[in-house]
Amino acid sequence: MDDIESIVADQRLFFASGRTRSIAFRQQQLRVLRNAIAQNEKQILSALHADLKKSEYEGYLTEVGIIYDEIRHIVKHTPQVGTSPPFPVPFYQEQKPPEPDIK
């Protein structure tokens, strides 16, 4: 249990350092994830077959391939997300209710 707590503490410190804010860092981490999936694709597909009885084709089509497409899309559009203006928060999600304006 101490190992998990130290890992979580280390990750919180890393996040607080601000290194994860960079668009380049986020894109690089997504590429690392994509490479890890590619290196373990056979094991992932085998697990999908063992657990869900999905064929290799079905596992790729409905699981692995979708993840590859999502990662590709996010890497391509991450710069836009980082520069988009903030959007307004709906009134029902605000911290306090709006003041009534009765005249």
C-alpha atoms as a PDB file:
ATOM      1  CA  MET A   1       0.000   0.000   0.000  1.00  0.00           C
ATOM      2  CA  ASP A   2       2.914   2.336   0.684  1.00  0.00           C
ATOM      3  CA  ASP A   3       4.073   1.866  -2.900  1.00  0.00           C
ATOM      4  CA  ILE A   4       0.726   3.012  -4.260  1.00  0.00           C
ATOM      5  CA  GLU A   5       0.644   6.017  -1.954  1.00  0.00           C
ATOM      6  CA  SER A   6       4.155   7.069  -2.971  1.00  0.00           C
ATOM      7  CA  ILE A   7       3.319   6.659  -6.658  1.00  0.00           C
ATOM      8  CA  VAL A   8       0.197   8.802  -6.243  1.00  0.00           C
ATOM      9  CA  ALA A   9       2.191  11.427  -4.314  1.00  0.00           C
ATOM     10  CA  ASP A  10       4.869  11.492  -7.018  1.00  0.00           C
ATOM     11  CA  GLN A  11       2.253  11.856  -9.742  1.00  0.00           C
ATOM     12  CA  ARG A  12       0.573  14.730  -7.903  1.00  0.00           C
ATOM     13  CA  LEU A  13       3.908  16.521  -7.579  1.00  0.00           C
ATOM     14  CA  PHE A  14       4.607  15.961 -11.264  1.00  0.00           C
ATOM     15  CA  PHE A  15       1.192  17.354 -12.214  1.00  0.00           C
ATOM     16  CA  ALA A  16       1.647  20.341  -9.896  1.00  0.00           C
ATOM     17  CA  SER A  17       4.986  21.122 -11.578  1.00  0.00           C
ATOM     18  CA  GLY A  18       3.082  22.273 -14.683  1.00  0.00           C
ATOM     19  CA  ARG A  19       4.944  20.029 -17.139  1.00  0.00           C
ATOM     20  CA  THR A  20       1.670  18.488 -18.291  1.00  0.00           C
ATOM     21  CA  ARG A  21       0.313  21.840 -19.536  1.00  0.00           C
ATOM     22  CA  SER A  22       2.480  21.937 -22.645  1.00  0.00           C
ATOM     23  CA  ILE A  23       0.775  20.922 -25.892  1.00  0.00           C
ATOM     24  CA  ALA A  24       3.997  19.214 -27.023  1.00  0.00           C
ATOM     25  CA  PHE A  25       4.135  17.196 -23.798  1.00  0.00           C
ATOM     26  CA  ARG A  26       0.530  16.045 -24.203  1.00  0.00           C
ATOM     27  CA  GLN A  27       1.091  15.042 -27.813  1.00  0.00           C
ATOM     28  CA  GLN A  28       4.262  13.150 -26.892  1.00  0.00           C
ATOM     29  CA  GLN A  29       2.451  11.252 -24.134  1.00  0.00           C
ATOM     30  CA  LEU A  30      -0.297  10.267 -26.571  1.00  0.00           C
ATOM     31  CA  ARG A  31       2.359   8.973 -28.981  1.00  0.00           C
ATOM     32  CA  VAL A  32       3.932   6.988 -26.137  1.00  0.00           C
ATOM     33  CA  LEU A  33       0.506   5.496 -25.382  1.00  0.00           C
ATOM     34  CA  ARG A  34      -0.054   4.635 -29.048  1.00  0.00           C
ATOM     35  CA  ASN A  35       3.353   2.917 -29.206  1.00  0.00           C
ATOM     36  CA  ALA A  36       2.639   0.960 -26.017  1.00  0.00           C
ATOM     37  CA  ILE A  37      -0.653  -0.249 -27.484  1.00  0.00           C
ATOM     38  CA  ALA A  38       1.086  -1.205 -30.740  1.00  0.00           C
ATOM     39  CA  GLN A  39       3.789  -3.146 -28.883  1.00  0.00           C
ATOM     40  CA  ASN A  40       1.153  -5.041 -26.889  1.00  0.00           C
ATOM     41  CA  GLU A  41      -1.510  -5.331 -29.570  1.00  0.00           C
ATOM     42  CA  LYS A  42      -1.366  -9.137 -29.800  1.00  0.00           C
ATOM     43  CA  GLN A  43      -1.732  -9.485 -26.029  1.00  0.00           C
ATOM     44  CA  ILE A  44      -4.628  -7.013 -26.005  1.00  0.00           C
ATOM     45  CA  LEU A  45      -6.392  -8.902 -28.786  1.00  0.00           C
ATOM     46  CA  SER A  46      -5.757 -12.220 -26.999  1.00  0.00           C
ATOM     47  CA  ALA A  47      -7.254 -10.811 -23.798  1.00  0.00           C
ATOM     48  CA  LEU A  48     -10.293  -9.561 -25.720  1.00  0.00           C
ATOM     49  CA  HIS A  49     -10.729 -13.054 -27.144  1.00  0.00           C
ATOM     50  CA  ALA A  50     -10.300 -14.748 -23.757  1.00  0.00           C
ATOM     51  CA  ASP A  51     -12.602 -12.372 -21.875  1.00  0.00           C
ATOM     52  CA  LEU A  52     -15.193 -11.398 -24.477  1.00  0.00           C
ATOM     53  CA  LYS A  53     -14.774 -14.086 -27.174  1.00  0.00           C
ATOM     54  CA  LYS A  54     -14.002 -11.416 -29.767  1.00  0.00           C
ATOM     55  CA  SER A  55     -12.170 -12.538 -32.870  1.00  0.00           C
ATOM     56  CA  GLU A  56      -8.917 -10.764 -33.732  1.00  0.00           C
ATOM     57  CA  TYR A  57     -10.713  -8.815 -36.458  1.00  0.00           C
ATOM     58  CA  GLU A  58     -13.606  -7.831 -34.182  1.00  0.00           C
ATOM     59  CA  GLY A  59     -11.256  -6.867 -31.344  1.00  0.00           C
ATOM     60  CA  TYR A  60      -9.252  -4.618 -33.633  1.00  0.00           C
ATOM     61  CA  LEU A  61     -12.347  -3.126 -35.258  1.00  0.00           C
ATOM     62  CA  THR A  62     -14.263  -2.407 -32.052  1.00  0.00           C
ATOM     63  CA  GLU A  63     -11.484  -1.715 -29.541  1.00  0.00           C
ATOM     64  CA  VAL A  64      -7.878  -1.249 -30.671  1.00  0.00           C
ATOM     65  CA  GLY A  65      -8.589   0.469 -33.983  1.00  0.00           C
ATOM     66  CA  ILE A  66     -10.937   2.928 -32.332  1.00  0.00           C
ATOM     67  CA  ILE A  67      -8.263   3.850 -29.790  1.00  0.00           C
ATOM     68  CA  TYR A  68      -5.718   4.408 -32.582  1.00  0.00           C
ATOM     69  CA  ASP A  69      -8.196   6.704 -34.372  1.00  0.00           C
ATOM     70  CA  GLU A  70      -8.980   8.602 -31.173  1.00  0.00           C
ATOM     71  CA  ILE A  71      -5.298   9.141 -30.393  1.00  0.00           C
ATOM     72  CA  ARG A  72      -4.627  10.291 -33.973  1.00  0.00           C
ATOM     73  CA  HIS A  73      -7.560  12.726 -33.795  1.00  0.00           C
ATOM     74  CA  ILE A  74      -6.563  14.135 -30.401  1.00  0.00           C
ATOM     75  CA  VAL A  75      -2.907  14.597 -31.413  1.00  0.00           C
ATOM     76  CA  LYS A  76      -4.033  16.426 -34.532  1.00  0.00           C
ATOM     77  CA  HIS A  77      -6.469  18.706 -32.692  1.00  0.00           C
ATOM     78  CA  THR A  78      -4.627  19.248 -29.391  1.00  0.00           C
ATOM     79  CA  PRO A  79      -3.185  22.625 -30.495  1.00  0.00           C
ATOM     80  CA  GLN A  80      -6.713  23.875 -31.158  1.00  0.00           C
ATOM     81  CA  VAL A  81      -7.878  22.785 -27.723  1.00  0.00           C
ATOM     82  CA  GLY A  82      -4.984  24.590 -26.072  1.00  0.00           C
ATOM     83  CA  THR A  83      -5.778  27.874 -27.796  1.00  0.00           C
ATOM     84  CA  SER A  84      -9.573  27.832 -27.774  1.00  0.00           C
ATOM     85  CA  PRO A  85     -11.266  30.607 -25.820  1.00  0.00           C
ATOM     86  CA  PRO A  86     -13.069  29.559 -22.650  1.00  0.00           C
ATOM     87  CA  PHE A  87     -16.711  28.785 -23.140  1.00  0.00           C
ATOM     88  CA  PRO A  88     -19.458  30.214 -20.938  1.00  0.00           C
ATOM     89  CA  VAL A  89     -20.696  28.049 -18.097  1.00  0.00           C
ATOM     90  CA  PRO A  90     -24.454  27.446 -18.094  1.00  0.00           C
ATOM     91  CA  PHE A  91     -26.188  29.316 -15.299  1.00  0.00           C
ATOM     92  CA  TYR A  92     -27.254  26.078 -13.565  1.00  0.00           C
ATOM     93  CA  GLN A  93     -23.593  25.031 -13.165  1.00  0.00           C
ATOM     94  CA  GLU A  94     -22.448  28.259 -11.533  1.00  0.00           C
ATOM     95  CA  GLN A  95     -21.318  28.207  -7.914  1.00  0.00           C
ATOM     96  CA  LYS A  96     -24.127  30.432  -6.696  1.00  0.00           C
ATOM     97  CA  PRO A  97     -27.521  31.049  -8.199  1.00  0.00           C
ATOM     98  CA  PRO A  98     -27.956  34.309 -10.137  1.00  0.00           C
ATOM     99  CA  GLU A  99     -29.485  37.264  -8.332  1.00  0.00           C
ATOM    100  CA  PRO A 100     -33.068  37.972  -9.357  1.00  0.00           C
ATOM    101  CA  ASP A 101     -33.514  41.143 -11.372  1.00  0.00           C
ATOM    102  CA  ILE A 102     -37.082  42.216 -10.623  1.00  0.00           C
ATOM    103  CA  LYS A 103     -38.098  45.752 -11.605  1.00  0.00           C
END
